[in-house]
N, C-alpha and C. Protein backbone atom coordinates (compact mmCIF):
# COMPACT_ATOMS: atom_id res chain seq x y z
N MET A 1 0.84 -1.18 0.00
CA MET A 1 0.00 0.00 0.00
C MET A 1 0.88 1.24 0.00
N GLU A 2 0.56 2.18 -0.86
CA GLU A 2 1.35 3.39 -1.01
C GLU A 2 1.00 4.40 0.08
N ASN A 3 2.03 5.02 0.66
CA ASN A 3 1.82 6.05 1.68
C ASN A 3 1.65 7.39 0.97
N THR A 4 0.47 7.96 1.07
CA THR A 4 0.20 9.24 0.42
C THR A 4 0.05 10.39 1.41
N SER A 5 0.41 10.14 2.67
CA SER A 5 0.26 11.21 3.66
C SER A 5 1.28 12.31 3.42
N GLN A 6 0.86 13.53 3.74
CA GLN A 6 1.73 14.69 3.65
C GLN A 6 1.66 15.45 4.96
N LYS A 7 2.79 16.03 5.34
CA LYS A 7 2.81 16.83 6.56
C LYS A 7 1.99 18.09 6.34
N VAL A 8 1.12 18.37 7.28
CA VAL A 8 0.34 19.60 7.23
C VAL A 8 1.26 20.75 7.62
N THR A 9 1.33 21.75 6.79
CA THR A 9 2.17 22.91 7.09
C THR A 9 1.28 24.09 7.49
N PHE A 10 1.84 24.98 8.27
CA PHE A 10 1.12 26.14 8.74
C PHE A 10 1.67 27.40 8.09
N LYS A 11 0.77 28.25 7.66
CA LYS A 11 1.10 29.57 7.13
C LYS A 11 0.45 30.58 8.07
N VAL A 12 1.15 31.62 8.39
CA VAL A 12 0.59 32.66 9.27
C VAL A 12 -0.57 33.31 8.53
N PRO A 13 -1.76 33.29 9.15
CA PRO A 13 -2.92 33.88 8.46
C PRO A 13 -2.87 35.40 8.45
N THR A 14 -3.45 35.96 7.41
CA THR A 14 -3.60 37.41 7.34
C THR A 14 -4.88 37.80 8.08
N ARG A 15 -5.08 39.06 8.25
CA ARG A 15 -6.28 39.56 8.92
C ARG A 15 -7.53 39.06 8.22
N ASP A 16 -7.53 39.05 6.90
CA ASP A 16 -8.71 38.63 6.12
C ASP A 16 -8.99 37.14 6.24
N GLU A 17 -8.05 36.37 6.74
CA GLU A 17 -8.22 34.92 6.82
C GLU A 17 -8.68 34.44 8.20
N VAL A 18 -8.98 35.37 9.10
CA VAL A 18 -9.43 34.99 10.44
C VAL A 18 -10.85 35.53 10.68
N SER A 19 -11.48 35.06 11.74
CA SER A 19 -12.86 35.45 12.06
C SER A 19 -12.96 36.94 12.38
N PRO A 20 -14.15 37.50 12.27
CA PRO A 20 -14.33 38.92 12.63
C PRO A 20 -13.88 39.23 14.06
N ALA A 21 -14.14 38.32 15.00
CA ALA A 21 -13.69 38.57 16.38
C ALA A 21 -12.16 38.64 16.44
N ASN A 22 -11.49 37.76 15.72
CA ASN A 22 -10.02 37.79 15.70
C ASN A 22 -9.50 38.98 14.91
N GLN A 23 -10.24 39.43 13.90
CA GLN A 23 -9.83 40.64 13.17
C GLN A 23 -9.81 41.83 14.12
N ALA A 24 -10.78 41.91 15.02
CA ALA A 24 -10.82 43.01 16.00
C ALA A 24 -9.61 42.94 16.93
N ILE A 25 -9.23 41.72 17.33
CA ILE A 25 -8.04 41.56 18.18
C ILE A 25 -6.79 41.96 17.39
N PHE A 26 -6.70 41.56 16.13
CA PHE A 26 -5.57 41.96 15.28
C PHE A 26 -5.49 43.49 15.23
N ASP A 27 -6.63 44.15 15.01
CA ASP A 27 -6.64 45.62 14.91
C ASP A 27 -6.14 46.26 16.19
N HIS A 28 -6.58 45.72 17.34
CA HIS A 28 -6.14 46.24 18.63
C HIS A 28 -4.62 46.05 18.79
N MET A 29 -4.12 44.85 18.48
CA MET A 29 -2.68 44.59 18.61
C MET A 29 -1.88 45.50 17.69
N LYS A 30 -2.35 45.67 16.47
CA LYS A 30 -1.64 46.50 15.50
C LYS A 30 -1.56 47.95 15.99
N SER A 31 -2.67 48.45 16.56
CA SER A 31 -2.64 49.84 17.04
C SER A 31 -1.81 49.97 18.32
N ALA A 32 -1.83 48.95 19.18
CA ALA A 32 -1.09 49.02 20.45
C ALA A 32 0.39 48.74 20.28
N PHE A 33 0.73 47.76 19.43
CA PHE A 33 2.12 47.28 19.34
C PHE A 33 2.76 47.48 17.97
N GLY A 34 1.97 47.91 16.99
CA GLY A 34 2.50 48.11 15.66
C GLY A 34 2.59 46.82 14.84
N MET A 35 2.17 45.70 15.42
CA MET A 35 2.24 44.41 14.72
C MET A 35 1.33 43.40 15.39
N VAL A 36 1.06 42.34 14.66
CA VAL A 36 0.40 41.17 15.24
C VAL A 36 1.46 40.07 15.20
N PRO A 37 1.99 39.66 16.35
CA PRO A 37 3.02 38.62 16.34
C PRO A 37 2.52 37.35 15.62
N ASN A 38 3.40 36.74 14.85
CA ASN A 38 3.04 35.57 14.06
C ASN A 38 2.40 34.46 14.90
N LEU A 39 2.89 34.26 16.11
CA LEU A 39 2.33 33.19 16.92
C LEU A 39 0.89 33.50 17.33
N PHE A 40 0.61 34.74 17.67
CA PHE A 40 -0.77 35.13 17.99
C PHE A 40 -1.65 35.00 16.75
N ALA A 41 -1.14 35.40 15.59
CA ALA A 41 -1.91 35.25 14.36
C ALA A 41 -2.23 33.78 14.10
N THR A 42 -1.27 32.91 14.38
CA THR A 42 -1.48 31.47 14.18
C THR A 42 -2.55 30.94 15.14
N ILE A 43 -2.53 31.39 16.37
CA ILE A 43 -3.56 30.99 17.33
C ILE A 43 -4.94 31.39 16.81
N ALA A 44 -5.00 32.49 16.04
CA ALA A 44 -6.27 32.99 15.51
C ALA A 44 -6.84 32.09 14.42
N LEU A 45 -6.13 31.05 14.01
CA LEU A 45 -6.72 30.07 13.09
C LEU A 45 -7.92 29.38 13.73
N ASN A 46 -7.96 29.42 15.06
CA ASN A 46 -9.10 28.91 15.82
C ASN A 46 -9.94 30.11 16.22
N GLU A 47 -11.22 30.05 16.00
CA GLU A 47 -12.10 31.21 16.19
C GLU A 47 -12.09 31.78 17.60
N THR A 48 -11.94 30.93 18.63
CA THR A 48 -12.02 31.43 20.00
C THR A 48 -10.71 31.36 20.78
N ALA A 49 -9.73 30.66 20.27
CA ALA A 49 -8.50 30.40 21.04
C ALA A 49 -7.69 31.66 21.35
N LEU A 50 -7.62 32.61 20.43
CA LEU A 50 -6.79 33.79 20.67
C LEU A 50 -7.35 34.61 21.85
N ALA A 51 -8.64 34.86 21.86
CA ALA A 51 -9.23 35.61 22.99
C ALA A 51 -9.06 34.84 24.29
N ASP A 52 -9.25 33.52 24.23
CA ASP A 52 -9.07 32.69 25.44
C ASP A 52 -7.62 32.76 25.93
N TYR A 53 -6.68 32.63 25.00
CA TYR A 53 -5.26 32.66 25.38
C TYR A 53 -4.89 34.02 25.96
N LEU A 54 -5.33 35.09 25.34
CA LEU A 54 -5.01 36.43 25.85
C LEU A 54 -5.61 36.66 27.23
N ALA A 55 -6.79 36.12 27.47
CA ALA A 55 -7.40 36.23 28.81
C ALA A 55 -6.53 35.52 29.84
N LEU A 56 -6.02 34.34 29.49
CA LEU A 56 -5.13 33.61 30.39
C LEU A 56 -3.84 34.41 30.62
N GLN A 57 -3.26 34.88 29.55
CA GLN A 57 -1.98 35.58 29.64
C GLN A 57 -2.10 36.89 30.42
N ASN A 58 -3.22 37.55 30.33
CA ASN A 58 -3.38 38.87 30.95
C ASN A 58 -4.13 38.83 32.27
N ARG A 59 -4.33 37.65 32.83
CA ARG A 59 -5.07 37.54 34.10
C ARG A 59 -4.28 38.22 35.23
N LYS A 60 -5.00 38.64 36.25
CA LYS A 60 -4.36 39.23 37.43
C LYS A 60 -3.50 38.17 38.10
N SER A 61 -2.35 38.57 38.61
CA SER A 61 -1.40 37.63 39.18
C SER A 61 -0.75 38.21 40.43
N THR A 62 -0.30 37.32 41.31
CA THR A 62 0.46 37.75 42.49
C THR A 62 1.94 37.96 42.14
N LEU A 63 2.32 37.62 40.92
CA LEU A 63 3.72 37.74 40.50
C LEU A 63 3.97 39.08 39.82
N THR A 64 5.19 39.56 39.93
CA THR A 64 5.58 40.79 39.24
C THR A 64 5.80 40.50 37.76
N THR A 65 5.87 41.54 36.98
CA THR A 65 6.16 41.40 35.55
C THR A 65 7.52 40.72 35.37
N LYS A 66 8.51 41.10 36.17
CA LYS A 66 9.84 40.48 36.06
C LYS A 66 9.77 38.99 36.39
N GLU A 67 9.03 38.62 37.42
CA GLU A 67 8.92 37.21 37.78
C GLU A 67 8.24 36.41 36.66
N ARG A 68 7.21 36.98 36.06
CA ARG A 68 6.55 36.28 34.94
C ARG A 68 7.50 36.13 33.77
N GLU A 69 8.33 37.13 33.52
CA GLU A 69 9.28 37.02 32.41
C GLU A 69 10.38 35.99 32.70
N ILE A 70 10.78 35.86 33.96
CA ILE A 70 11.73 34.80 34.32
C ILE A 70 11.11 33.45 33.97
N ILE A 71 9.87 33.25 34.36
CA ILE A 71 9.20 31.98 34.06
C ILE A 71 9.12 31.77 32.54
N ASN A 72 8.69 32.80 31.81
CA ASN A 72 8.57 32.69 30.35
C ASN A 72 9.90 32.32 29.70
N LEU A 73 10.97 32.96 30.13
CA LEU A 73 12.29 32.69 29.55
C LEU A 73 12.79 31.29 29.90
N VAL A 74 12.63 30.88 31.16
CA VAL A 74 13.14 29.57 31.59
C VAL A 74 12.37 28.44 30.90
N VAL A 75 11.05 28.52 30.89
CA VAL A 75 10.25 27.47 30.25
C VAL A 75 10.56 27.41 28.76
N SER A 76 10.66 28.56 28.11
CA SER A 76 10.97 28.58 26.68
C SER A 76 12.34 28.00 26.38
N GLN A 77 13.31 28.25 27.27
CA GLN A 77 14.64 27.68 27.10
C GLN A 77 14.59 26.16 27.26
N VAL A 78 13.91 25.68 28.30
CA VAL A 78 13.79 24.24 28.53
C VAL A 78 13.14 23.57 27.33
N ASN A 79 12.11 24.20 26.77
CA ASN A 79 11.38 23.62 25.65
C ASN A 79 11.98 23.96 24.30
N ASP A 80 13.13 24.65 24.30
CA ASP A 80 13.84 25.03 23.08
C ASP A 80 12.91 25.68 22.06
N CYS A 81 12.12 26.65 22.52
CA CYS A 81 11.20 27.36 21.63
C CYS A 81 11.88 28.65 21.17
N LYS A 82 12.41 28.63 19.96
CA LYS A 82 13.13 29.78 19.44
C LYS A 82 12.24 31.03 19.36
N TYR A 83 10.97 30.82 19.03
CA TYR A 83 10.05 31.95 18.93
C TYR A 83 9.88 32.64 20.28
N CYS A 84 9.54 31.87 21.30
CA CYS A 84 9.25 32.45 22.61
C CYS A 84 10.51 32.98 23.30
N ILE A 85 11.66 32.35 23.07
CA ILE A 85 12.90 32.89 23.63
C ILE A 85 13.16 34.27 23.04
N ALA A 86 13.00 34.41 21.73
CA ALA A 86 13.22 35.70 21.08
C ALA A 86 12.22 36.74 21.56
N ALA A 87 10.94 36.37 21.60
CA ALA A 87 9.90 37.32 22.02
C ALA A 87 10.11 37.76 23.46
N HIS A 88 10.40 36.80 24.34
CA HIS A 88 10.53 37.16 25.76
C HIS A 88 11.87 37.79 26.10
N THR A 89 12.83 37.71 25.21
CA THR A 89 14.05 38.50 25.38
C THR A 89 13.69 39.99 25.24
N ILE A 90 12.87 40.30 24.25
CA ILE A 90 12.42 41.69 24.06
C ILE A 90 11.54 42.13 25.24
N VAL A 91 10.56 41.30 25.60
CA VAL A 91 9.65 41.65 26.69
C VAL A 91 10.42 41.73 28.01
N GLY A 92 11.40 40.86 28.21
CA GLY A 92 12.23 40.90 29.42
C GLY A 92 13.00 42.21 29.52
N LYS A 93 13.50 42.69 28.39
CA LYS A 93 14.19 43.99 28.39
C LYS A 93 13.20 45.11 28.71
N MET A 94 11.99 45.02 28.18
CA MET A 94 10.96 46.02 28.48
C MET A 94 10.60 45.99 29.97
N ALA A 95 10.73 44.82 30.60
CA ALA A 95 10.42 44.67 32.03
C ALA A 95 11.56 45.19 32.91
N GLY A 96 12.73 45.43 32.31
CA GLY A 96 13.83 46.01 33.08
C GLY A 96 15.08 45.17 33.19
N PHE A 97 15.10 43.99 32.57
CA PHE A 97 16.32 43.17 32.59
C PHE A 97 17.25 43.62 31.47
N ASN A 98 18.57 43.55 31.72
CA ASN A 98 19.52 43.84 30.66
C ASN A 98 19.90 42.53 29.95
N GLU A 99 20.67 42.64 28.90
CA GLU A 99 21.03 41.47 28.08
C GLU A 99 21.73 40.38 28.90
N GLU A 100 22.68 40.76 29.73
CA GLU A 100 23.41 39.77 30.54
C GLU A 100 22.48 39.09 31.54
N GLN A 101 21.59 39.85 32.16
CA GLN A 101 20.64 39.26 33.10
C GLN A 101 19.72 38.26 32.39
N ILE A 102 19.29 38.57 31.18
CA ILE A 102 18.44 37.66 30.42
C ILE A 102 19.19 36.36 30.11
N LEU A 103 20.46 36.47 29.76
CA LEU A 103 21.25 35.26 29.52
C LEU A 103 21.40 34.44 30.80
N GLU A 104 21.61 35.11 31.93
CA GLU A 104 21.70 34.40 33.21
C GLU A 104 20.37 33.69 33.53
N ILE A 105 19.27 34.36 33.27
CA ILE A 105 17.96 33.75 33.50
C ILE A 105 17.81 32.52 32.63
N ARG A 106 18.12 32.63 31.35
CA ARG A 106 17.98 31.49 30.44
C ARG A 106 18.87 30.31 30.86
N ARG A 107 20.03 30.62 31.44
CA ARG A 107 20.95 29.56 31.91
C ARG A 107 20.56 29.04 33.30
N VAL A 108 19.65 29.74 33.96
CA VAL A 108 19.26 29.47 35.34
C VAL A 108 20.49 29.52 36.24
N GLN A 109 21.27 30.57 36.05
CA GLN A 109 22.45 30.87 36.86
C GLN A 109 22.42 32.35 37.17
N ILE A 110 21.47 32.73 38.01
CA ILE A 110 21.20 34.14 38.29
C ILE A 110 22.07 34.61 39.45
N SER A 111 22.98 35.54 39.14
CA SER A 111 23.90 36.06 40.16
C SER A 111 23.38 37.35 40.79
N PHE A 112 22.38 37.98 40.20
CA PHE A 112 21.98 39.32 40.62
C PHE A 112 20.81 39.35 41.60
N ASP A 113 20.17 38.20 41.89
CA ASP A 113 19.02 38.20 42.80
C ASP A 113 18.74 36.78 43.26
N THR A 114 18.91 36.51 44.55
CA THR A 114 18.74 35.14 45.07
C THR A 114 17.28 34.68 45.00
N LYS A 115 16.33 35.59 45.16
CA LYS A 115 14.92 35.20 45.07
C LYS A 115 14.60 34.77 43.63
N TYR A 116 15.08 35.53 42.66
CA TYR A 116 14.87 35.16 41.26
C TYR A 116 15.56 33.83 40.93
N GLU A 117 16.72 33.61 41.54
CA GLU A 117 17.45 32.34 41.31
C GLU A 117 16.61 31.16 41.81
N ALA A 118 16.00 31.28 42.98
CA ALA A 118 15.15 30.21 43.52
C ALA A 118 13.95 29.97 42.60
N LEU A 119 13.36 31.05 42.11
CA LEU A 119 12.23 30.93 41.18
C LEU A 119 12.65 30.22 39.90
N ALA A 120 13.75 30.65 39.30
CA ALA A 120 14.20 30.07 38.04
C ALA A 120 14.51 28.57 38.19
N LYS A 121 15.17 28.20 39.28
CA LYS A 121 15.48 26.78 39.50
C LYS A 121 14.19 25.97 39.68
N PHE A 122 13.24 26.51 40.42
CA PHE A 122 11.96 25.83 40.62
C PHE A 122 11.25 25.64 39.27
N VAL A 123 11.22 26.68 38.47
CA VAL A 123 10.54 26.62 37.17
C VAL A 123 11.21 25.61 36.26
N LYS A 124 12.53 25.63 36.22
CA LYS A 124 13.24 24.69 35.35
C LYS A 124 12.96 23.24 35.77
N GLU A 125 13.10 22.95 37.05
CA GLU A 125 12.86 21.57 37.51
C GLU A 125 11.41 21.16 37.32
N THR A 126 10.50 22.07 37.59
CA THR A 126 9.08 21.76 37.42
C THR A 126 8.76 21.45 35.96
N THR A 127 9.33 22.21 35.05
CA THR A 127 9.08 22.01 33.62
C THR A 127 9.72 20.70 33.14
N ILE A 128 10.97 20.49 33.48
CA ILE A 128 11.67 19.28 33.04
C ILE A 128 11.01 18.03 33.62
N ASN A 129 10.65 18.10 34.89
CA ASN A 129 10.13 16.91 35.60
C ASN A 129 8.61 16.82 35.62
N LYS A 130 7.97 17.56 34.71
CA LYS A 130 6.51 17.47 34.54
C LYS A 130 5.75 17.68 35.85
N GLY A 131 6.10 18.75 36.55
CA GLY A 131 5.38 19.11 37.78
C GLY A 131 5.93 18.48 39.03
N ARG A 132 7.14 17.93 38.96
CA ARG A 132 7.72 17.27 40.14
C ARG A 132 9.12 17.80 40.45
N PRO A 133 9.21 19.03 40.98
CA PRO A 133 10.53 19.53 41.36
C PRO A 133 11.05 18.76 42.57
N SER A 134 12.34 18.83 42.78
CA SER A 134 12.92 18.16 43.96
C SER A 134 12.42 18.84 45.23
N GLU A 135 12.45 18.12 46.32
CA GLU A 135 12.01 18.66 47.60
C GLU A 135 12.85 19.89 47.98
N ASN A 136 14.15 19.82 47.73
CA ASN A 136 15.05 20.92 48.04
C ASN A 136 14.68 22.18 47.25
N THR A 137 14.44 22.01 45.97
CA THR A 137 14.08 23.16 45.13
C THR A 137 12.73 23.74 45.54
N TYR A 138 11.80 22.86 45.88
CA TYR A 138 10.48 23.28 46.37
C TYR A 138 10.63 24.08 47.66
N ASP A 139 11.39 23.55 48.60
CA ASP A 139 11.61 24.24 49.88
C ASP A 139 12.30 25.58 49.66
N ASN A 140 13.29 25.62 48.76
CA ASN A 140 14.03 26.86 48.50
C ASN A 140 13.13 27.96 47.94
N LEU A 141 12.12 27.58 47.17
CA LEU A 141 11.19 28.57 46.63
C LEU A 141 10.48 29.30 47.77
N PHE A 142 9.99 28.54 48.74
CA PHE A 142 9.29 29.15 49.87
C PHE A 142 10.25 29.89 50.80
N GLU A 143 11.44 29.34 51.00
CA GLU A 143 12.45 30.01 51.83
C GLU A 143 12.87 31.35 51.22
N ALA A 144 12.78 31.46 49.89
CA ALA A 144 13.13 32.71 49.21
C ALA A 144 12.04 33.77 49.36
N GLY A 145 10.87 33.37 49.88
CA GLY A 145 9.82 34.35 50.13
C GLY A 145 8.55 34.17 49.30
N TYR A 146 8.51 33.16 48.47
CA TYR A 146 7.30 32.92 47.69
C TYR A 146 6.23 32.26 48.56
N THR A 147 4.97 32.48 48.21
CA THR A 147 3.83 31.99 48.98
C THR A 147 3.10 30.90 48.20
N LYS A 148 2.12 30.30 48.88
CA LYS A 148 1.28 29.29 48.21
C LYS A 148 0.52 29.93 47.03
N ALA A 149 0.03 31.15 47.21
CA ALA A 149 -0.65 31.85 46.12
C ALA A 149 0.31 32.08 44.96
N ASN A 150 1.57 32.45 45.27
CA ASN A 150 2.57 32.61 44.21
C ASN A 150 2.79 31.30 43.47
N LEU A 151 2.86 30.19 44.21
CA LEU A 151 3.08 28.88 43.58
C LEU A 151 2.00 28.59 42.55
N ILE A 152 0.77 28.89 42.88
CA ILE A 152 -0.33 28.65 41.92
C ILE A 152 -0.13 29.51 40.68
N ASP A 153 0.22 30.78 40.86
CA ASP A 153 0.47 31.64 39.71
C ASP A 153 1.69 31.18 38.90
N ILE A 154 2.71 30.71 39.57
CA ILE A 154 3.90 30.20 38.87
C ILE A 154 3.50 29.05 37.95
N VAL A 155 2.71 28.12 38.46
CA VAL A 155 2.30 26.97 37.65
C VAL A 155 1.40 27.41 36.50
N ILE A 156 0.54 28.40 36.72
CA ILE A 156 -0.30 28.91 35.64
C ILE A 156 0.56 29.53 34.54
N VAL A 157 1.57 30.29 34.91
CA VAL A 157 2.44 30.90 33.89
C VAL A 157 3.26 29.82 33.17
N ILE A 158 3.72 28.80 33.89
CA ILE A 158 4.41 27.69 33.22
C ILE A 158 3.48 27.07 32.17
N GLY A 159 2.23 26.82 32.56
CA GLY A 159 1.27 26.23 31.62
C GLY A 159 1.01 27.13 30.43
N ASP A 160 0.87 28.42 30.68
CA ASP A 160 0.69 29.41 29.61
C ASP A 160 1.83 29.30 28.61
N LYS A 161 3.05 29.26 29.13
CA LYS A 161 4.20 29.26 28.22
C LYS A 161 4.34 27.92 27.50
N ILE A 162 3.99 26.83 28.14
CA ILE A 162 4.03 25.53 27.46
C ILE A 162 3.09 25.55 26.25
N ILE A 163 1.94 26.19 26.37
CA ILE A 163 0.99 26.27 25.26
C ILE A 163 1.68 26.87 24.04
N THR A 164 2.29 28.05 24.20
CA THR A 164 2.90 28.71 23.03
C THR A 164 4.18 28.03 22.60
N ASN A 165 4.96 27.50 23.53
CA ASN A 165 6.17 26.76 23.15
C ASN A 165 5.82 25.58 22.26
N TYR A 166 4.86 24.79 22.70
CA TYR A 166 4.47 23.61 21.93
C TYR A 166 3.86 24.00 20.60
N LEU A 167 3.04 25.05 20.60
CA LEU A 167 2.42 25.47 19.35
C LEU A 167 3.47 25.88 18.32
N HIS A 168 4.46 26.65 18.77
CA HIS A 168 5.51 27.03 17.81
C HIS A 168 6.36 25.83 17.41
N ASN A 169 6.73 25.01 18.37
CA ASN A 169 7.58 23.86 18.04
C ASN A 169 6.89 22.91 17.06
N ILE A 170 5.56 22.85 17.11
CA ILE A 170 4.81 22.00 16.19
C ILE A 170 4.63 22.69 14.83
N THR A 171 4.23 23.95 14.83
CA THR A 171 3.89 24.63 13.57
C THR A 171 5.11 25.18 12.84
N GLN A 172 6.16 25.54 13.59
CA GLN A 172 7.37 26.12 13.01
C GLN A 172 7.09 27.37 12.16
N ILE A 173 6.10 28.16 12.59
CA ILE A 173 5.83 29.41 11.87
C ILE A 173 7.05 30.32 12.03
N PRO A 174 7.25 31.25 11.08
CA PRO A 174 8.44 32.12 11.12
C PRO A 174 8.52 32.97 12.40
N VAL A 175 9.73 33.09 12.92
CA VAL A 175 9.99 33.95 14.08
C VAL A 175 10.06 35.39 13.57
N ASP A 176 9.23 36.25 14.11
CA ASP A 176 9.22 37.65 13.69
C ASP A 176 9.77 38.58 14.76
N TRP A 177 10.69 38.07 15.55
CA TRP A 177 11.40 38.83 16.58
C TRP A 177 12.89 38.75 16.26
N PRO A 178 13.69 39.72 16.75
CA PRO A 178 15.13 39.67 16.49
C PRO A 178 15.75 38.38 17.03
N GLU A 179 16.68 37.84 16.27
CA GLU A 179 17.37 36.61 16.69
C GLU A 179 18.15 36.86 17.97
N VAL A 180 18.22 35.83 18.82
CA VAL A 180 18.92 35.95 20.09
C VAL A 180 20.09 34.99 20.15
N GLN A 181 20.99 35.29 21.09
CA GLN A 181 22.17 34.46 21.29
C GLN A 181 21.78 33.06 21.75
N LYS A 182 22.40 32.05 21.15
CA LYS A 182 22.18 30.67 21.60
C LYS A 182 23.00 30.42 22.85
N ILE A 183 22.46 29.60 23.73
CA ILE A 183 23.24 29.25 24.93
C ILE A 183 23.28 27.73 25.07
C-alpha cells in the first residue's frame, strides 16, 4: 500500500483569513504594538482560542512582571522554543532586565538576585520533571519568600508558556522577533 500522507504545514494567516472577532483583536494589537506577532496570528486560526489565550496571559497575578518574564524565559529555554525565547528577550528587556541578566535567567544561573534564582530553579525543575521539582528546590522557593498563592500563579504561567512553546515547536511558523544568542 502506497503512503500518500503529507505533513500539514502552517502559514501565518492574514487579517482577512481569520474570524471577525479575531480581526478586531488583530486591529487592537496592530494599534497598540504596531504588529500582530506571528504566533498570535497562528492561534487565531481557531475562532475562540486567541481571545481565550489572551485572557489567560493577561489575568491578574500575584507575580511581578519580572517574575513572569523569568518563568517565560526559563520554560521557553527548557522547551527550546526559538520563537518564545526571542519574544521574551524583548519583553524581558521592556520589564527592566539587561542582556546579561536575560542570559543568566535562560541559563538558570542568576547572580543578581537570590529570590529570582530560587524561582528560576523551581521553574526549570518543574518544567523538566513534569510538575515534580525536587524537595530541596520546592523548599528553596518558599524560603526565598514565595507563597502558596505565588506557587499557583507560577504553575499557571508555566502552563501558559508551554501552550505557546508547543504550538511554535509544532507549527514552526516564522519567528518575527530579532534573533537571540544561543546558549
